[in-house]
C-alpha atoms as a PDB file:
ATOM      1  CA  UNK A   1     -45.701 108.106 -42.455  1.00  0.00           C
ATOM      2  CA  UNK A   2     -44.281 108.877 -39.712  1.00  0.00           C
ATOM      3  CA  UNK A   3     -42.538 106.052 -37.242  1.00  0.00           C
ATOM      4  CA  UNK A   4     -40.274 104.952 -34.732  1.00  0.00           C
ATOM      5  CA  UNK A   5     -37.491 102.299 -34.991  1.00  0.00           C
ATOM      6  CA  UNK A   6     -36.005 101.107 -32.071  1.00  0.00           C
ATOM      7  CA  UNK A   7     -32.459  99.642 -31.550  1.00  0.00           C
ATOM      8  CA  UNK A   8     -30.860  99.518 -34.984  1.00  0.00           C
ATOM      9  CA  UNK A   9     -27.929  96.851 -34.087  1.00  0.00           C
ATOM     10  CA  UNK A  10     -27.198  96.144 -37.487  1.00  0.00           C
ATOM     11  CA  UNK A  11     -26.911  99.056 -39.959  1.00  0.00           C
ATOM     12  CA  UNK A  12     -26.229  97.612 -43.126  1.00  0.00           C
ATOM     13  CA  UNK A  13     -29.304  95.522 -42.897  1.00  0.00           C
ATOM     14  CA  UNK A  14     -31.193  98.885 -42.286  1.00  0.00           C
ATOM     15  CA  UNK A  15     -29.740 101.002 -44.988  1.00  0.00           C
ATOM     16  CA  UNK A  16     -30.320  98.099 -46.638  1.00  0.00           C
ATOM     17  CA  UNK A  17     -33.981  98.119 -46.296  1.00  0.00           C
ATOM     18  CA  UNK A  18     -33.927 102.121 -46.639  1.00  0.00           C
ATOM     19  CA  UNK A  19     -32.223 101.630 -50.263  1.00  0.00           C
ATOM     20  CA  UNK A  20     -35.299  99.440 -51.191  1.00  0.00           C
ATOM     21  CA  UNK A  21     -37.752 101.754 -50.345  1.00  0.00           C
ATOM     22  CA  UNK A  22     -39.474 103.431 -53.935  1.00  0.00           C
ATOM     23  CA  UNK A  23     -39.958 106.970 -52.247  1.00  0.00           C
ATOM     24  CA  UNK A  24     -38.498 109.506 -49.958  1.00  0.00           C
ATOM     25  CA  UNK A  25     -36.944 108.015 -46.253  1.00  0.00           C
ATOM     26  CA  UNK A  26     -36.599 111.075 -44.154  1.00  0.00           C
ATOM     27  CA  UNK A  27     -34.876 110.748 -40.477  1.00  0.00           C
ATOM     28  CA  UNK A  28     -36.100 113.515 -38.145  1.00  0.00           C
ATOM     29  CA  UNK A  29     -33.305 114.165 -35.592  1.00  0.00           C
ATOM     30  CA  UNK A  30     -34.175 114.850 -31.822  1.00  0.00           C
ATOM     31  CA  UNK A  31     -33.107 118.676 -32.674  1.00  0.00           C
ATOM     32  CA  UNK A  32     -35.591 118.665 -35.727  1.00  0.00           C
ATOM     33  CA  UNK A  33     -33.117 118.402 -38.556  1.00  0.00           C
ATOM     34  CA  UNK A  34     -34.365 116.315 -41.593  1.00  0.00           C
ATOM     35  CA  UNK A  35     -31.748 114.391 -43.431  1.00  0.00           C
ATOM     36  CA  UNK A  36     -32.757 112.399 -46.867  1.00  0.00           C
ATOM     37  CA  UNK A  37     -31.907 108.821 -45.937  1.00  0.00           C
ATOM     38  CA  UNK A  38     -31.762 107.925 -50.460  1.00  0.00           C
ATOM     39  CA  UNK A  39     -28.375 109.703 -50.195  1.00  0.00           C
ATOM     40  CA  UNK A  40     -25.731 108.035 -49.206  1.00  0.00           C
ATOM     41  CA  UNK A  41     -24.062 111.034 -48.043  1.00  0.00           C
ATOM     42  CA  UNK A  42     -27.104 111.816 -45.621  1.00  0.00           C
ATOM     43  CA  UNK A  43     -27.072 108.640 -44.493  1.00  0.00           C
ATOM     44  CA  UNK A  44     -23.640 108.763 -43.243  1.00  0.00           C
ATOM     45  CA  UNK A  45     -23.693 112.258 -42.020  1.00  0.00           C
ATOM     46  CA  UNK A  46     -27.132 111.267 -39.910  1.00  0.00           C
ATOM     47  CA  UNK A  47     -25.708 108.517 -38.329  1.00  0.00           C
ATOM     48  CA  UNK A  48     -22.258 109.249 -37.485  1.00  0.00           C
ATOM     49  CA  UNK A  49     -24.057 111.569 -35.111  1.00  0.00           C
ATOM     50  CA  UNK A  50     -26.525 109.442 -33.098  1.00  0.00           C
ATOM     51  CA  UNK A  51     -24.339 106.253 -33.177  1.00  0.00           C
ATOM     52  CA  UNK A  52     -23.426 105.351 -29.814  1.00  0.00           C
ATOM     53  CA  UNK A  53     -21.863 101.852 -28.484  1.00  0.00           C
ATOM     54  CA  UNK A  54     -22.942  99.880 -31.485  1.00  0.00           C
ATOM     55  CA  UNK A  55     -26.774 100.270 -30.723  1.00  0.00           C
ATOM     56  CA  UNK A  56     -28.712 102.785 -32.185  1.00  0.00           C
ATOM     57  CA  UNK A  57     -31.294 103.438 -29.629  1.00  0.00           C
ATOM     58  CA  UNK A  58     -34.404 104.932 -31.406  1.00  0.00           C
ATOM     59  CA  UNK A  59     -35.024 107.082 -34.711  1.00  0.00           C
ATOM     60  CA  UNK A  60     -37.522 108.486 -36.083  1.00  0.00           C
ATOM     61  CA  UNK A  61     -38.120 108.091 -39.833  1.00  0.00           C
ATOM     62  CA  UNK A  62     -41.063 109.460 -42.447  1.00  0.00           C
ATOM     63  CA  UNK A  63     -42.011 107.524 -45.558  1.00  0.00           C
ATOM     64  CA  UNK A  64     -43.548 109.145 -48.314  1.00  0.00           C
ATOM     65  CA  UNK A  65     -44.349 106.025 -50.472  1.00  0.00           C
ATOM     66  CA  UNK A  66     -47.182 103.743 -48.477  1.00  0.00           C
ATOM     67  CA  UNK A  67     -45.648 100.278 -50.167  1.00  0.00           C
ATOM     68  CA  UNK A  68     -42.316 101.999 -48.449  1.00  0.00           C
ATOM     69  CA  UNK A  69     -43.830 101.424 -44.715  1.00  0.00           C
ATOM     70  CA  UNK A  70     -44.128  97.437 -45.346  1.00  0.00           C
ATOM     71  CA  UNK A  71     -40.252  97.324 -46.342  1.00  0.00           C
ATOM     72  CA  UNK A  72     -39.597  98.774 -43.180  1.00  0.00           C
ATOM     73  CA  UNK A  73     -41.821  96.684 -41.188  1.00  0.00           C
ATOM     74  CA  UNK A  74     -39.929  93.856 -42.395  1.00  0.00           C
ATOM     75  CA  UNK A  75     -36.369  94.888 -41.766  1.00  0.00           C
ATOM     76  CA  UNK A  76     -38.177  95.507 -38.088  1.00  0.00           C
ATOM     77  CA  UNK A  77     -39.434  91.947 -37.922  1.00  0.00           C
ATOM     78  CA  UNK A  78     -36.243  90.424 -39.294  1.00  0.00           C
ATOM     79  CA  UNK A  79     -34.030  92.396 -36.821  1.00  0.00           C
END
């Protein structure tokens, strides 16, 4: 499932939600690059490129396990 996440201010909490996901979670960049966010290296590389002024304005994610959508939605509602 594709979704957009806006205004990520707590990256540790965001990655905590991603780490709880059971399936693959991918970040799609504006340029069409795809990063597997279950990989710590990919987390570092992808967010180093898009992190500005302490807030990440918007990211597009693709989840491959339907139960993972709820985990990310819970993160968004708590954020």
